[in-house]
Protein backbone atom coordinates (compact mmCIF):
# COMPACT_ATOMS: atom_id res chain seq x y z
CA UNK A 1 116.51 90.18 67.02
CA UNK A 2 120.23 90.81 67.07
CA UNK A 3 121.97 88.88 69.83
CA UNK A 4 124.73 91.38 70.53
CA UNK A 5 125.60 91.82 74.19
CA UNK A 6 124.27 95.38 74.10
CA UNK A 7 120.93 94.26 72.68
CA UNK A 8 120.60 91.47 75.25
CA UNK A 9 121.45 93.86 78.08
CA UNK A 10 118.82 96.30 76.82
CA UNK A 11 116.28 93.48 76.62
CA UNK A 12 117.06 92.43 80.22
CA UNK A 13 116.49 95.99 81.39
CA UNK A 14 113.19 96.12 79.51
CA UNK A 15 112.07 92.78 80.99
CA UNK A 16 112.62 94.14 84.50
CA UNK A 17 110.68 97.29 83.68
CA UNK A 18 107.81 95.31 82.13
CA UNK A 19 107.76 93.02 85.16
CA UNK A 20 107.33 95.98 87.51
CA UNK A 21 104.58 97.37 85.27
CA UNK A 22 102.80 94.01 85.61
CA UNK A 23 102.80 94.23 89.40
CA UNK A 24 105.99 92.40 90.36
CA UNK A 25 108.15 94.15 92.93
CA UNK A 26 111.44 92.62 91.78
CA UNK A 27 112.80 90.78 88.76
CA UNK A 28 116.11 88.94 88.45
CA UNK A 29 117.76 86.71 85.85
CA UNK A 30 119.93 83.63 86.44
CA UNK A 31 121.47 80.79 84.50
CA UNK A 32 120.51 77.14 84.95
CA UNK A 33 123.38 75.91 87.14
CA UNK A 34 121.97 74.83 90.51
CA UNK A 35 124.43 72.11 91.51
CA UNK A 36 124.93 73.27 95.09
CA UNK A 37 121.20 73.49 95.70
CA UNK A 38 120.68 70.11 94.04
CA UNK A 39 123.02 68.48 96.58
CA UNK A 40 121.18 70.17 99.47
CA UNK A 41 117.83 68.94 98.14
CA UNK A 42 119.12 65.38 97.82
CA UNK A 43 120.39 65.36 101.41
CA UNK A 44 116.99 66.65 102.57
CA UNK A 45 115.14 63.95 100.63
CA UNK A 46 117.51 61.22 101.84
CA UNK A 47 116.70 62.22 105.42
CA UNK A 48 112.97 61.77 104.71
CA UNK A 49 112.15 65.33 105.74
CA UNK A 50 109.66 65.67 102.88
CA UNK A 51 107.20 63.26 104.54
CA UNK A 52 104.27 62.43 102.24
CA UNK A 53 105.30 65.04 99.65
CA UNK A 54 106.39 62.37 97.18
CA UNK A 55 106.30 64.92 94.37
CA UNK A 56 109.46 66.46 95.86
CA UNK A 57 111.39 63.34 94.85
CA UNK A 58 109.36 62.23 91.84
CA UNK A 59 111.10 64.08 89.02
CA UNK A 60 114.73 63.10 89.45
CA UNK A 61 117.07 65.94 88.55
CA UNK A 62 114.47 67.91 86.57
CA UNK A 63 113.72 69.96 89.70
CA UNK A 64 117.26 71.25 89.94
CA UNK A 65 118.15 71.26 86.24
CA UNK A 66 115.83 73.65 84.38
CA UNK A 67 117.14 72.60 80.97
CA UNK A 68 116.05 69.01 81.65
CA UNK A 69 112.56 70.14 82.64
CA UNK A 70 112.24 72.45 79.61
CA UNK A 71 114.81 71.55 76.93
CA UNK A 72 116.45 74.60 75.40
CA UNK A 73 116.21 76.71 78.55
CA UNK A 74 119.20 79.05 78.86
CA UNK A 75 117.99 81.49 81.52
CA UNK A 76 115.38 81.72 84.25
CA UNK A 77 113.63 85.00 84.97
CA UNK A 78 112.68 85.02 88.67
CA UNK A 79 109.98 87.41 89.86
CA UNK A 80 108.72 88.46 93.29
CA UNK A 81 105.18 89.62 94.10
CA UNK A 82 104.45 90.86 97.63
CA UNK A 83 101.24 89.53 99.21
CA UNK A 84 100.99 90.93 102.74
CA UNK A 85 97.32 92.00 102.99
CA UNK A 86 97.74 95.06 105.19
CA UNK A 87 97.30 94.97 108.95
CA UNK A 88 95.15 91.88 109.45
CA UNK A 89 96.14 91.60 113.13
CA UNK A 90 96.95 87.95 112.47
CA UNK A 91 99.67 87.87 115.13
CA UNK A 92 96.97 88.94 117.58
CA UNK A 93 94.76 86.05 116.44
CA UNK A 94 97.34 83.60 117.76
CA UNK A 95 96.60 84.95 121.23
CA UNK A 96 92.84 84.44 120.75
CA UNK A 97 92.49 80.63 120.93
CA UNK A 98 88.78 80.63 120.03
CA UNK A 99 89.59 82.35 116.69
CA UNK A 100 90.92 80.57 113.59
CA UNK A 101 94.38 81.38 112.31
CA UNK A 102 94.74 81.15 108.53
CA UNK A 103 98.17 81.79 107.03
CA UNK A 104 98.31 85.29 105.57
CA UNK A 105 99.03 84.08 102.04
CA UNK A 106 95.75 82.13 102.02
CA UNK A 107 93.38 84.88 103.23
CA UNK A 108 92.61 86.13 99.73
CA UNK A 109 92.32 84.61 96.28
CA UNK A 110 94.60 81.87 95.02
CA UNK A 111 97.80 83.46 93.75
CA UNK A 112 98.57 80.81 91.11
CA UNK A 113 96.21 82.09 88.42
CA UNK A 114 96.99 85.77 88.98
CA UNK A 115 100.77 85.33 88.79
CA UNK A 116 100.64 82.85 85.91
CA UNK A 117 98.55 85.34 83.92
CA UNK A 118 101.07 88.11 84.59
CA UNK A 119 103.96 85.83 83.57
CA UNK A 120 102.14 85.02 80.34
CA UNK A 121 101.71 88.75 79.68
CA UNK A 122 105.43 89.28 80.28
CA UNK A 123 106.31 86.49 77.84
CA UNK A 124 104.05 88.06 75.24
CA UNK A 125 105.79 91.42 75.67
CA UNK A 126 109.17 89.77 75.16
CA UNK A 127 107.89 88.03 72.02
CA UNK A 128 106.52 91.31 70.70
CA UNK A 129 110.00 92.79 71.08
CA UNK A 130 112.17 89.97 69.72
CA UNK A 131 109.92 87.55 67.83
CA UNK A 132 109.34 83.85 68.58
CA UNK A 133 110.39 82.89 72.10
CA UNK A 134 110.76 79.49 73.69
CA UNK A 135 109.39 79.79 77.23
CA UNK A 136 107.46 78.16 80.07
CA UNK A 137 105.89 79.93 83.05
CA UNK A 138 105.83 78.35 86.50
CA UNK A 139 104.15 79.31 89.78
CA UNK A 140 104.75 76.81 92.57
CA UNK A 141 103.19 74.10 90.42
CA UNK A 142 106.02 72.13 88.82
CA UNK A 143 109.37 70.61 89.80
CA UNK A 144 111.21 73.93 90.07
CA UNK A 145 113.69 74.92 92.80
CA UNK A 146 112.16 78.38 92.97
CA UNK A 147 113.88 79.53 96.16
CA UNK A 148 117.29 78.53 94.85
CA UNK A 149 116.56 80.29 91.56
CA UNK A 150 115.42 83.43 93.39
CA UNK A 151 118.62 83.48 95.45
CA UNK A 152 120.81 83.04 92.37
CA UNK A 153 118.85 85.75 90.56
CA UNK A 154 119.63 88.20 93.36
CA UNK A 155 116.13 88.46 94.84
CA UNK A 156 117.29 87.59 98.36
CA UNK A 157 118.91 84.85 100.39
CA UNK A 158 117.49 81.62 101.77
CA UNK A 159 117.20 82.26 105.49
CA UNK A 160 117.44 79.99 108.49
CA UNK A 161 113.67 79.44 108.22
CA UNK A 162 114.26 78.11 104.66
CA UNK A 163 112.32 81.02 103.10
CA UNK A 164 113.73 83.61 100.73
CA UNK A 165 114.41 86.81 102.68
CA UNK A 166 114.88 90.28 101.25
CA UNK A 167 116.35 93.18 103.20
CA UNK A 168 113.76 95.61 101.88
CA UNK A 169 110.73 93.31 101.80
CA UNK A 170 111.10 90.53 104.36
CA UNK A 171 109.55 87.25 103.18
CA UNK A 172 105.86 87.86 102.56
CA UNK A 173 106.01 87.37 98.81
CA UNK A 174 105.23 84.84 96.11
CA UNK A 175 107.73 83.71 93.49
CA UNK A 176 107.18 82.99 89.81
CA UNK A 177 109.56 81.86 87.07
CA UNK A 178 109.80 82.24 83.33
CA UNK A 179 112.14 79.73 81.65
CA UNK A 180 113.43 81.23 78.38
CA UNK A 181 115.75 80.21 75.55
CA UNK A 182 117.45 83.61 75.26
CA UNK A 183 121.03 84.08 76.62
CA UNK A 184 120.23 87.16 78.68
CA UNK A 185 122.93 88.63 80.93
CA UNK A 186 122.53 87.21 84.44
CA UNK A 187 122.28 89.10 87.71
CA UNK A 188 124.73 88.55 90.52
CA UNK A 189 123.55 86.01 93.09
CA UNK A 190 122.52 87.54 96.39
CA UNK A 191 125.78 86.39 97.90
CA UNK A 192 126.04 86.85 101.66
CA UNK A 193 123.09 86.05 103.87
CA UNK A 194 121.93 88.41 106.59
CA UNK A 195 120.53 86.18 109.31
CA UNK A 196 123.68 86.54 111.40
CA UNK A 197 123.36 85.14 114.89
CA UNK A 198 119.57 85.56 114.94
CA UNK A 199 117.70 82.34 115.71
CA UNK A 200 114.24 83.82 116.32
CA UNK A 201 112.56 81.66 113.68
CA UNK A 202 114.16 78.47 114.98
CA UNK A 203 113.22 79.27 118.57
CA UNK A 204 109.59 80.29 117.91
CA UNK A 205 108.51 77.24 115.85
CA UNK A 206 105.60 75.73 117.82
CA UNK A 207 106.43 72.14 116.83
CA UNK A 208 110.25 72.41 116.77
CA UNK A 209 110.23 71.58 113.06
CA UNK A 210 113.69 72.99 112.37
CA UNK A 211 116.41 70.36 112.62
CA UNK A 212 118.86 73.25 112.59
CA UNK A 213 119.45 76.47 110.66
CA UNK A 214 118.33 76.14 107.01
CA UNK A 215 116.90 72.63 107.53
CA UNK A 216 113.17 72.03 108.03
CA UNK A 217 111.66 68.64 108.88
CA UNK A 218 108.37 69.11 107.03
CA UNK A 219 106.82 66.23 108.95
CA UNK A 220 106.67 68.48 112.02
CA UNK A 221 105.81 71.73 110.22
CA UNK A 222 102.29 73.03 110.83
CA UNK A 223 101.93 74.09 107.19
CA UNK A 224 102.65 70.50 106.16
CA UNK A 225 100.40 69.01 108.84
CA UNK A 226 97.41 71.21 107.97
CA UNK A 227 97.79 71.33 104.17
CA UNK A 228 99.88 68.48 102.77
CA UNK A 229 99.29 65.61 105.22
CA UNK A 230 96.45 63.41 104.00
CA UNK A 231 95.73 61.37 107.11
CA UNK A 232 95.66 61.75 110.86
CA UNK A 233 97.71 64.48 112.51
CA UNK A 234 100.10 62.86 115.05
CA UNK A 235 98.54 63.19 118.50
CA UNK A 236 101.71 64.50 120.11
CA UNK A 237 101.73 67.46 117.72
CA UNK A 238 98.04 68.39 117.96
CA UNK A 239 98.28 70.45 121.17
CA UNK A 240 101.21 72.38 119.67
CA UNK A 241 99.21 73.48 116.62
CA UNK A 242 97.00 75.78 118.68
CA UNK A 243 94.43 77.55 116.53
CA UNK A 244 96.39 77.37 113.26
CA UNK A 245 93.94 75.70 110.86
CA UNK A 246 95.66 76.34 107.52
CA UNK A 247 99.36 77.02 107.44
CA UNK A 248 101.55 78.86 109.91
CA UNK A 249 103.41 82.18 109.81
CA UNK A 250 105.26 82.10 113.12
CA UNK A 251 108.74 81.95 111.58
CA UNK A 252 107.81 84.96 109.42
CA UNK A 253 106.03 86.99 112.09
CA UNK A 254 109.11 86.86 114.31
CA UNK A 255 111.67 87.54 111.56
CA UNK A 256 113.26 90.98 112.04
CA UNK A 257 113.44 91.53 108.28
CA UNK A 258 109.64 91.48 108.04
CA UNK A 259 109.59 94.88 109.71
CA UNK A 260 110.28 96.08 106.18
CA UNK A 261 107.45 94.13 104.52
CA UNK A 262 104.98 96.50 102.88
CA UNK A 263 101.25 95.83 102.40
CA UNK A 264 100.32 94.67 98.92
CA UNK A 265 98.16 96.83 96.69
CA UNK A 266 96.74 93.71 95.01
CA UNK A 267 93.04 93.52 95.74
CA UNK A 268 93.08 89.75 95.19
CA UNK A 269 95.29 89.29 98.26
CA UNK A 270 92.89 91.05 100.66
CA UNK A 271 90.99 88.82 103.16
CA UNK A 272 87.75 87.23 101.97
CA UNK A 273 84.77 86.01 104.01
CA UNK A 274 86.17 87.55 107.19
CA UNK A 275 88.82 84.83 107.44
CA UNK A 276 91.15 87.20 109.26
CA UNK A 277 88.74 87.40 112.22
CA UNK A 278 86.42 84.41 112.60
CA UNK A 279 85.54 81.90 115.32
CA UNK A 280 86.70 78.30 114.98
CA UNK A 281 83.23 77.09 115.95
CA UNK A 282 81.60 79.12 113.17
CA UNK A 283 83.91 77.66 110.52
CA UNK A 284 83.39 74.14 111.86
CA UNK A 285 79.66 74.41 111.20
CA UNK A 286 80.10 75.20 107.50
CA UNK A 287 78.43 72.56 105.36
CA UNK A 288 80.42 71.13 102.47
CA UNK A 289 78.41 73.33 100.12
CA UNK A 290 79.34 76.40 102.15
CA UNK A 291 82.98 75.36 102.19
CA UNK A 292 83.04 74.94 98.41
CA UNK A 293 81.21 78.22 97.88
CA UNK A 294 83.32 80.31 100.25
CA UNK A 295 86.65 78.84 99.19
CA UNK A 296 86.07 79.19 95.47
CA UNK A 297 89.26 80.62 93.99
CA UNK A 298 91.02 80.27 97.36
CA UNK A 299 94.17 78.38 98.43
CA UNK A 300 92.01 76.79 101.17
CA UNK A 301 90.59 74.44 98.55
CA UNK A 302 93.90 72.55 98.65
CA UNK A 303 93.01 71.02 102.01
CA UNK A 304 89.55 69.86 100.92
CA UNK A 305 86.50 69.79 103.18
CA UNK A 306 87.41 66.67 105.16
CA UNK A 307 90.88 67.88 106.13
CA UNK A 308 89.50 71.38 106.76
CA UNK A 309 87.21 69.84 109.40
CA UNK A 310 90.11 67.76 110.74
CA UNK A 311 92.20 70.92 111.22
CA UNK A 312 89.33 72.82 112.83
CA UNK A 313 88.66 69.94 115.24
CA UNK A 314 92.26 70.20 116.43
CA UNK A 315 91.86 73.95 116.87
CA UNK A 316 88.65 73.43 118.84
CA UNK A 317 90.41 70.86 121.01
CA UNK A 318 92.99 73.51 121.86
CA UNK A 319 90.39 76.26 122.42
CA UNK A 320 88.73 77.15 125.74
CA UNK A 321 85.89 74.75 126.66
CA UNK A 322 83.09 77.22 125.94
CA UNK A 323 79.52 76.21 125.12
CA UNK A 324 79.90 77.10 121.38
CA UNK A 325 83.11 75.05 121.18
CA UNK A 326 81.63 71.95 122.84
CA UNK A 327 78.37 72.18 120.87
CA UNK A 328 80.22 72.54 117.56
CA UNK A 329 82.27 69.43 118.31
CA UNK A 330 79.24 67.42 119.42
CA UNK A 331 77.48 68.35 116.19
CA UNK A 332 80.22 66.57 114.19
CA UNK A 333 80.53 63.52 116.45
CA UNK A 334 78.68 61.29 113.96
CA UNK A 335 80.37 62.72 110.85
CA UNK A 336 80.66 60.11 108.07
CA UNK A 337 84.43 60.61 107.84
CA UNK A 338 86.46 58.45 110.19
CA UNK A 339 89.26 61.01 109.98
CA UNK A 340 86.97 63.80 111.18
CA UNK A 341 85.39 61.65 113.92
CA UNK A 342 88.81 60.69 115.29
CA UNK A 343 89.90 64.30 115.67
CA UNK A 344 86.52 65.33 117.09
CA UNK A 345 86.76 62.64 119.78
CA UNK A 346 90.29 63.75 120.60
CA UNK A 347 89.09 67.34 120.93
CA UNK A 348 86.14 66.41 123.15
CA UNK A 349 88.44 64.29 125.34
CA UNK A 350 90.66 67.35 125.74
CA UNK A 351 87.62 69.08 127.22
CA UNK A 352 86.90 66.19 129.55
CA UNK A 353 84.11 64.64 127.50
CA UNK A 354 84.37 61.03 126.32
């Protein structure tokens, strides 16, 4: 392919059109300079806010320097795919303490495979147009500063809740990246942020995980505690988790920009197994076989069965002391996992039973 500026501009326009045809709502292009974001990441790591997420610090500067991660990379194509699964009444579930709250992104199928497949299809279209292409596709699975890249590619700004926000779409979307060795024209960074004086996300956080605007202490974040943390959930934080058994959306639910979030048309993101309206006690009685069967192809698999029970025990400890709740906890009192038993005993003690 000719590398004239006109040809590269035409290719960039085509890439955005192909991306939309493949189900992405927005496509932007940026270069590989992320120095400002690299400094922010290092300060965050130095403060220990990443907790047990050692992978956040494990790759040196590769995370913030795309050309070190994939030599030859000149541009990063950043893509947004909305995932909000319609009106699941999940905000209402938070007011129903006997029900389980599962983060909206995890109600359907795992997004990794779907988005990676679409990114591969996009790369193949580019190759069909210009010939051999050096590229790598990433979906939340490698040392990539995807939020920084999205901001620089014009997809939105990183808000006070540390998520990428978009004025027309809020924050209920996944991000994917295609590293390429073609010097495409870049899009303007988003520039100004639009959080203003709003502090709704900081104020609503159940565990006060925000150190301040734009800074999250993951060690207090419910998403970290229920998904990333391997061991025991700190006792002081357990009552604050409520019925959130996998992730947390509070800082998104309260964000004014999410008034503009539109339901996704992707069938894969629709709730499975009634997870948008199910009793904690019912989930707690799933056998490991049931868990593996019903979470096949689901983000819930990331927690694993043992931590799934740990999370549910905390939810049951925070639920009303009904007969189903107490009986479900008693049924797991002799569970072979020490981690599960510890959280079950805590939950029963909350209900006055020792």
